[in-house]
Amino acid sequence: MSSEPNQPIDANDPIVQSAIERIETAFEMDPGLRRGDELRSLLINRITELLTRNPEKLMAILYRIDVKENAVNEIMSKAFPTEVPIHLADLVIERQLAKARTRAEHRSSRDVAGERE
């Protein structure tokens, strides 16, 4: 587990925008973030706050957005405490991007199927 930031996020990509909006909603963050690096930084701060003040709420959010429990447990048990929010934020962003890609693929599959009819 490294604490290096993930690849830069292209916030102009509609898939990325979908993921950002869902993260903002799930973590009760101010809407309208348009830069991925800004999202990551704010998400790290929000996760830090939840870990300190309301860890049960954080776990409920992670469960609701379908972040893998074993990945969360590994981060919680193996990462340095100061790096836990960083790793969790990256995990959340990766998961939401994957879900947004899947939704986009299904949407385009339905569109193509509809054109054939």
N, C-alpha and C. Protein backbone atom coordinates (compact mmCIF):
# COMPACT_ATOMS: atom_id res chain seq x y z
N MET A 1 0.84 -1.19 0.00
CA MET A 1 0.00 0.00 0.00
C MET A 1 0.88 1.24 0.00
N SER A 2 0.76 2.03 -1.01
CA SER A 2 1.53 3.26 -1.05
C SER A 2 0.58 4.43 -0.81
N SER A 3 1.15 5.54 -0.43
CA SER A 3 0.31 6.71 -0.21
C SER A 3 0.41 7.67 -1.38
N GLU A 4 0.94 7.18 -2.48
CA GLU A 4 1.03 8.00 -3.68
C GLU A 4 -0.36 8.20 -4.28
N PRO A 5 -0.67 9.40 -4.76
CA PRO A 5 -1.97 9.61 -5.38
C PRO A 5 -2.13 8.78 -6.64
N ASN A 6 -3.36 8.43 -6.93
CA ASN A 6 -3.64 7.70 -8.17
C ASN A 6 -3.43 8.61 -9.35
N GLN A 7 -3.63 8.07 -10.54
CA GLN A 7 -3.51 8.85 -11.76
C GLN A 7 -4.44 10.07 -11.68
N PRO A 8 -4.06 11.17 -12.34
CA PRO A 8 -4.94 12.33 -12.36
C PRO A 8 -6.31 11.95 -12.94
N ILE A 9 -7.34 12.55 -12.41
CA ILE A 9 -8.70 12.26 -12.83
C ILE A 9 -9.15 13.35 -13.80
N ASP A 10 -9.65 12.95 -14.97
CA ASP A 10 -10.15 13.89 -15.96
C ASP A 10 -11.60 14.23 -15.61
N ALA A 11 -11.79 15.32 -14.91
CA ALA A 11 -13.12 15.69 -14.43
C ALA A 11 -14.06 16.11 -15.56
N ASN A 12 -13.56 16.24 -16.79
CA ASN A 12 -14.44 16.57 -17.91
C ASN A 12 -15.12 15.33 -18.49
N ASP A 13 -14.62 14.17 -18.13
CA ASP A 13 -15.18 12.90 -18.60
C ASP A 13 -16.54 12.67 -17.92
N PRO A 14 -17.59 12.37 -18.69
CA PRO A 14 -18.91 12.16 -18.09
C PRO A 14 -18.94 11.02 -17.07
N ILE A 15 -18.14 10.00 -17.28
CA ILE A 15 -18.06 8.89 -16.33
C ILE A 15 -17.49 9.39 -15.01
N VAL A 16 -16.44 10.20 -15.10
CA VAL A 16 -15.83 10.76 -13.90
C VAL A 16 -16.82 11.69 -13.20
N GLN A 17 -17.54 12.48 -13.97
CA GLN A 17 -18.53 13.39 -13.37
C GLN A 17 -19.59 12.61 -12.61
N SER A 18 -20.03 11.50 -13.16
CA SER A 18 -21.01 10.66 -12.48
C SER A 18 -20.45 10.14 -11.16
N ALA A 19 -19.20 9.68 -11.18
CA ALA A 19 -18.56 9.17 -9.97
C ALA A 19 -18.41 10.28 -8.93
N ILE A 20 -17.99 11.46 -9.36
CA ILE A 20 -17.83 12.59 -8.45
C ILE A 20 -19.16 12.93 -7.79
N GLU A 21 -20.22 13.00 -8.57
CA GLU A 21 -21.54 13.34 -8.02
C GLU A 21 -21.99 12.32 -6.99
N ARG A 22 -21.75 11.05 -7.24
CA ARG A 22 -22.16 10.01 -6.29
C ARG A 22 -21.31 10.05 -5.02
N ILE A 23 -20.04 10.38 -5.15
CA ILE A 23 -19.19 10.51 -3.97
C ILE A 23 -19.65 11.71 -3.14
N GLU A 24 -19.91 12.83 -3.81
CA GLU A 24 -20.38 14.02 -3.10
C GLU A 24 -21.66 13.72 -2.33
N THR A 25 -22.57 12.99 -2.94
CA THR A 25 -23.83 12.65 -2.28
C THR A 25 -23.61 11.71 -1.11
N ALA A 26 -22.88 10.64 -1.33
CA ALA A 26 -22.67 9.62 -0.29
C ALA A 26 -21.98 10.20 0.94
N PHE A 27 -21.03 11.09 0.72
CA PHE A 27 -20.25 11.63 1.83
C PHE A 27 -20.73 13.01 2.28
N GLU A 28 -21.90 13.41 1.77
CA GLU A 28 -22.52 14.68 2.17
C GLU A 28 -21.53 15.84 2.02
N MET A 29 -20.95 15.92 0.83
CA MET A 29 -19.99 16.97 0.52
C MET A 29 -20.68 18.02 -0.34
N ASP A 30 -20.11 19.22 -0.36
CA ASP A 30 -20.67 20.27 -1.20
C ASP A 30 -20.63 19.84 -2.65
N PRO A 31 -21.74 19.97 -3.35
CA PRO A 31 -21.77 19.58 -4.77
C PRO A 31 -20.99 20.56 -5.63
N GLY A 32 -20.65 20.09 -6.81
CA GLY A 32 -20.04 20.97 -7.80
C GLY A 32 -18.54 20.86 -7.90
N LEU A 33 -17.94 19.86 -7.28
CA LEU A 33 -16.50 19.68 -7.44
C LEU A 33 -16.23 19.26 -8.88
N ARG A 34 -15.28 19.89 -9.52
CA ARG A 34 -15.05 19.57 -10.92
C ARG A 34 -13.64 19.09 -11.19
N ARG A 35 -12.80 19.08 -10.16
CA ARG A 35 -11.42 18.61 -10.36
C ARG A 35 -11.19 17.38 -9.49
N GLY A 36 -10.63 16.36 -10.09
CA GLY A 36 -10.40 15.12 -9.38
C GLY A 36 -9.46 15.24 -8.21
N ASP A 37 -8.38 16.04 -8.37
CA ASP A 37 -7.43 16.18 -7.26
C ASP A 37 -8.09 16.89 -6.09
N GLU A 38 -8.95 17.84 -6.38
CA GLU A 38 -9.69 18.54 -5.33
C GLU A 38 -10.64 17.57 -4.63
N LEU A 39 -11.32 16.75 -5.40
CA LEU A 39 -12.22 15.75 -4.83
C LEU A 39 -11.45 14.84 -3.88
N ARG A 40 -10.33 14.34 -4.32
CA ARG A 40 -9.54 13.41 -3.51
C ARG A 40 -9.14 14.06 -2.19
N SER A 41 -8.66 15.28 -2.26
CA SER A 41 -8.24 15.98 -1.05
C SER A 41 -9.41 16.20 -0.09
N LEU A 42 -10.53 16.65 -0.62
CA LEU A 42 -11.71 16.87 0.22
C LEU A 42 -12.25 15.55 0.77
N LEU A 43 -12.19 14.50 -0.03
CA LEU A 43 -12.66 13.19 0.43
C LEU A 43 -11.77 12.66 1.55
N ILE A 44 -10.47 12.83 1.42
CA ILE A 44 -9.55 12.42 2.49
C ILE A 44 -9.90 13.16 3.78
N ASN A 45 -10.14 14.46 3.69
CA ASN A 45 -10.51 15.24 4.87
C ASN A 45 -11.83 14.76 5.46
N ARG A 46 -12.80 14.46 4.60
CA ARG A 46 -14.11 14.00 5.09
C ARG A 46 -13.98 12.63 5.76
N ILE A 47 -13.20 11.74 5.18
CA ILE A 47 -13.00 10.42 5.77
C ILE A 47 -12.28 10.55 7.11
N THR A 48 -11.29 11.43 7.19
CA THR A 48 -10.59 11.68 8.45
C THR A 48 -11.58 12.15 9.52
N GLU A 49 -12.43 13.06 9.13
CA GLU A 49 -13.45 13.58 10.06
C GLU A 49 -14.38 12.45 10.54
N LEU A 50 -14.84 11.63 9.61
CA LEU A 50 -15.74 10.54 9.98
C LEU A 50 -15.03 9.50 10.84
N LEU A 51 -13.78 9.20 10.53
CA LEU A 51 -13.03 8.24 11.35
C LEU A 51 -12.91 8.73 12.79
N THR A 52 -12.74 10.03 12.95
CA THR A 52 -12.57 10.62 14.27
C THR A 52 -13.89 10.77 15.02
N ARG A 53 -14.90 11.27 14.32
CA ARG A 53 -16.15 11.63 14.99
C ARG A 53 -17.25 10.58 14.92
N ASN A 54 -17.29 9.83 13.81
CA ASN A 54 -18.40 8.90 13.62
C ASN A 54 -17.97 7.74 12.71
N PRO A 55 -17.11 6.86 13.22
CA PRO A 55 -16.62 5.75 12.39
C PRO A 55 -17.74 4.81 11.93
N GLU A 56 -18.80 4.69 12.72
CA GLU A 56 -19.92 3.83 12.31
C GLU A 56 -20.58 4.37 11.04
N LYS A 57 -20.70 5.68 10.97
CA LYS A 57 -21.30 6.30 9.77
C LYS A 57 -20.40 6.06 8.56
N LEU A 58 -19.09 6.18 8.75
CA LEU A 58 -18.16 5.92 7.66
C LEU A 58 -18.32 4.49 7.16
N MET A 59 -18.38 3.55 8.07
CA MET A 59 -18.52 2.14 7.67
C MET A 59 -19.85 1.91 6.95
N ALA A 60 -20.90 2.58 7.41
CA ALA A 60 -22.20 2.45 6.74
C ALA A 60 -22.14 3.01 5.31
N ILE A 61 -21.46 4.12 5.14
CA ILE A 61 -21.32 4.71 3.80
C ILE A 61 -20.54 3.75 2.89
N LEU A 62 -19.43 3.23 3.41
CA LEU A 62 -18.60 2.31 2.61
C LEU A 62 -19.40 1.08 2.21
N TYR A 63 -20.21 0.58 3.14
CA TYR A 63 -21.06 -0.58 2.85
C TYR A 63 -22.09 -0.22 1.78
N ARG A 64 -22.73 0.94 1.94
CA ARG A 64 -23.80 1.36 1.02
C ARG A 64 -23.28 1.56 -0.40
N ILE A 65 -22.06 2.07 -0.53
CA ILE A 65 -21.52 2.30 -1.88
C ILE A 65 -20.75 1.09 -2.40
N ASP A 66 -20.82 0.00 -1.64
CA ASP A 66 -20.32 -1.30 -2.08
C ASP A 66 -18.81 -1.36 -2.24
N VAL A 67 -18.11 -0.76 -1.28
CA VAL A 67 -16.66 -0.91 -1.24
C VAL A 67 -16.38 -2.25 -0.58
N LYS A 68 -15.46 -3.00 -1.14
CA LYS A 68 -15.19 -4.36 -0.65
C LYS A 68 -14.73 -4.33 0.81
N GLU A 69 -15.46 -5.08 1.63
CA GLU A 69 -15.17 -5.12 3.07
C GLU A 69 -13.77 -5.64 3.35
N ASN A 70 -13.33 -6.65 2.59
CA ASN A 70 -11.98 -7.18 2.85
C ASN A 70 -10.90 -6.15 2.53
N ALA A 71 -11.12 -5.31 1.54
CA ALA A 71 -10.16 -4.26 1.22
C ALA A 71 -10.12 -3.21 2.32
N VAL A 72 -11.29 -2.86 2.84
CA VAL A 72 -11.37 -1.90 3.95
C VAL A 72 -10.66 -2.48 5.17
N ASN A 73 -10.94 -3.73 5.48
CA ASN A 73 -10.31 -4.37 6.65
C ASN A 73 -8.79 -4.42 6.51
N GLU A 74 -8.32 -4.71 5.30
CA GLU A 74 -6.88 -4.75 5.08
C GLU A 74 -6.25 -3.38 5.31
N ILE A 75 -6.89 -2.34 4.80
CA ILE A 75 -6.39 -0.99 4.99
C ILE A 75 -6.37 -0.65 6.48
N MET A 76 -7.45 -0.95 7.17
CA MET A 76 -7.56 -0.61 8.59
C MET A 76 -6.52 -1.36 9.43
N SER A 77 -6.16 -2.56 9.02
CA SER A 77 -5.24 -3.35 9.84
C SER A 77 -3.77 -3.19 9.45
N LYS A 78 -3.49 -2.79 8.21
CA LYS A 78 -2.10 -2.79 7.75
C LYS A 78 -1.52 -1.40 7.47
N ALA A 79 -2.36 -0.44 7.20
CA ALA A 79 -1.85 0.90 6.86
C ALA A 79 -1.49 1.66 8.13
N PHE A 80 -0.54 2.56 8.00
CA PHE A 80 -0.25 3.47 9.11
C PHE A 80 -1.50 4.30 9.36
N PRO A 81 -1.82 4.59 10.61
CA PRO A 81 -3.06 5.32 10.90
C PRO A 81 -3.23 6.62 10.10
N THR A 82 -2.14 7.33 9.87
CA THR A 82 -2.25 8.58 9.12
C THR A 82 -2.55 8.35 7.63
N GLU A 83 -2.29 7.12 7.16
CA GLU A 83 -2.52 6.82 5.75
C GLU A 83 -3.88 6.18 5.48
N VAL A 84 -4.58 5.77 6.54
CA VAL A 84 -5.87 5.10 6.36
C VAL A 84 -6.83 5.95 5.53
N PRO A 85 -7.04 7.24 5.86
CA PRO A 85 -7.98 8.03 5.05
C PRO A 85 -7.56 8.14 3.58
N ILE A 86 -6.27 8.19 3.32
CA ILE A 86 -5.77 8.29 1.94
C ILE A 86 -6.14 7.02 1.17
N HIS A 87 -5.86 5.87 1.77
CA HIS A 87 -6.15 4.61 1.10
C HIS A 87 -7.66 4.40 0.93
N LEU A 88 -8.43 4.77 1.95
CA LEU A 88 -9.88 4.63 1.83
C LEU A 88 -10.43 5.54 0.74
N ALA A 89 -9.93 6.77 0.66
CA ALA A 89 -10.38 7.69 -0.38
C ALA A 89 -10.09 7.13 -1.77
N ASP A 90 -8.89 6.59 -1.95
CA ASP A 90 -8.54 6.01 -3.24
C ASP A 90 -9.45 4.81 -3.56
N LEU A 91 -9.75 4.02 -2.55
CA LEU A 91 -10.63 2.86 -2.72
C LEU A 91 -12.03 3.30 -3.14
N VAL A 92 -12.54 4.35 -2.49
CA VAL A 92 -13.87 4.88 -2.82
C VAL A 92 -13.88 5.41 -4.25
N ILE A 93 -12.88 6.18 -4.61
CA ILE A 93 -12.83 6.76 -5.96
C ILE A 93 -12.75 5.65 -7.01
N GLU A 94 -11.89 4.67 -6.78
CA GLU A 94 -11.77 3.55 -7.73
C GLU A 94 -13.10 2.82 -7.88
N ARG A 95 -13.77 2.57 -6.76
CA ARG A 95 -15.05 1.83 -6.81
C ARG A 95 -16.11 2.63 -7.54
N GLN A 96 -16.20 3.91 -7.25
CA GLN A 96 -17.23 4.72 -7.90
C GLN A 96 -16.95 4.89 -9.39
N LEU A 97 -15.69 4.98 -9.77
CA LEU A 97 -15.36 5.03 -11.20
C LEU A 97 -15.72 3.72 -11.89
N ALA A 98 -15.45 2.60 -11.24
CA ALA A 98 -15.81 1.30 -11.82
C ALA A 98 -17.32 1.19 -11.99
N LYS A 99 -18.07 1.61 -10.99
CA LYS A 99 -19.53 1.55 -11.09
C LYS A 99 -20.05 2.48 -12.19
N ALA A 100 -19.45 3.66 -12.33
CA ALA A 100 -19.87 4.60 -13.38
C ALA A 100 -19.57 4.03 -14.76
N ARG A 101 -18.42 3.37 -14.90
CA ARG A 101 -18.09 2.74 -16.20
C ARG A 101 -19.09 1.65 -16.54
N THR A 102 -19.44 0.83 -15.55
CA THR A 102 -20.40 -0.25 -15.76
C THR A 102 -21.75 0.32 -16.17
N ARG A 103 -22.21 1.36 -15.49
CA ARG A 103 -23.49 1.98 -15.85
C ARG A 103 -23.45 2.51 -17.28
N ALA A 104 -22.34 3.14 -17.66
CA ALA A 104 -22.20 3.68 -19.01
C ALA A 104 -22.21 2.57 -20.06
N GLU A 105 -21.54 1.45 -19.75
CA GLU A 105 -21.52 0.32 -20.68
C GLU A 105 -22.91 -0.27 -20.87
N HIS A 106 -23.65 -0.41 -19.77
CA HIS A 106 -25.00 -0.95 -19.87
C HIS A 106 -25.92 0.01 -20.62
N ARG A 107 -25.74 1.29 -20.38
CA ARG A 107 -26.53 2.30 -21.07
C ARG A 107 -26.27 2.24 -22.57
N SER A 108 -24.99 2.14 -22.97
CA SER A 108 -24.68 2.10 -24.40
C SER A 108 -25.13 0.78 -25.02
N SER A 109 -25.10 -0.32 -24.25
CA SER A 109 -25.58 -1.60 -24.76
C SER A 109 -27.09 -1.53 -25.03
N ARG A 110 -27.81 -0.89 -24.12
CA ARG A 110 -29.26 -0.73 -24.33
C ARG A 110 -29.55 0.16 -25.53
N ASP A 111 -28.74 1.21 -25.69
CA ASP A 111 -28.93 2.11 -26.83
C ASP A 111 -28.70 1.38 -28.15
N VAL A 112 -27.65 0.56 -28.20
CA VAL A 112 -27.35 -0.21 -29.42
C VAL A 112 -28.45 -1.22 -29.67
N ALA A 113 -28.94 -1.89 -28.63
CA ALA A 113 -30.01 -2.88 -28.79
C ALA A 113 -31.27 -2.18 -29.27
N GLY A 114 -31.56 -1.00 -28.78
CA GLY A 114 -32.73 -0.25 -29.20
C GLY A 114 -32.66 0.17 -30.65
N GLU A 115 -31.46 0.45 -31.14
CA GLU A 115 -31.29 0.84 -32.54
C GLU A 115 -31.54 -0.32 -33.48
N ARG A 116 -31.29 -1.56 -33.01
CA ARG A 116 -31.48 -2.72 -33.86
C ARG A 116 -32.95 -3.08 -34.04
N GLU A 117 -33.79 -2.62 -33.12
CA GLU A 117 -35.20 -3.00 -33.18
C GLU A 117 -35.95 -2.28 -34.28
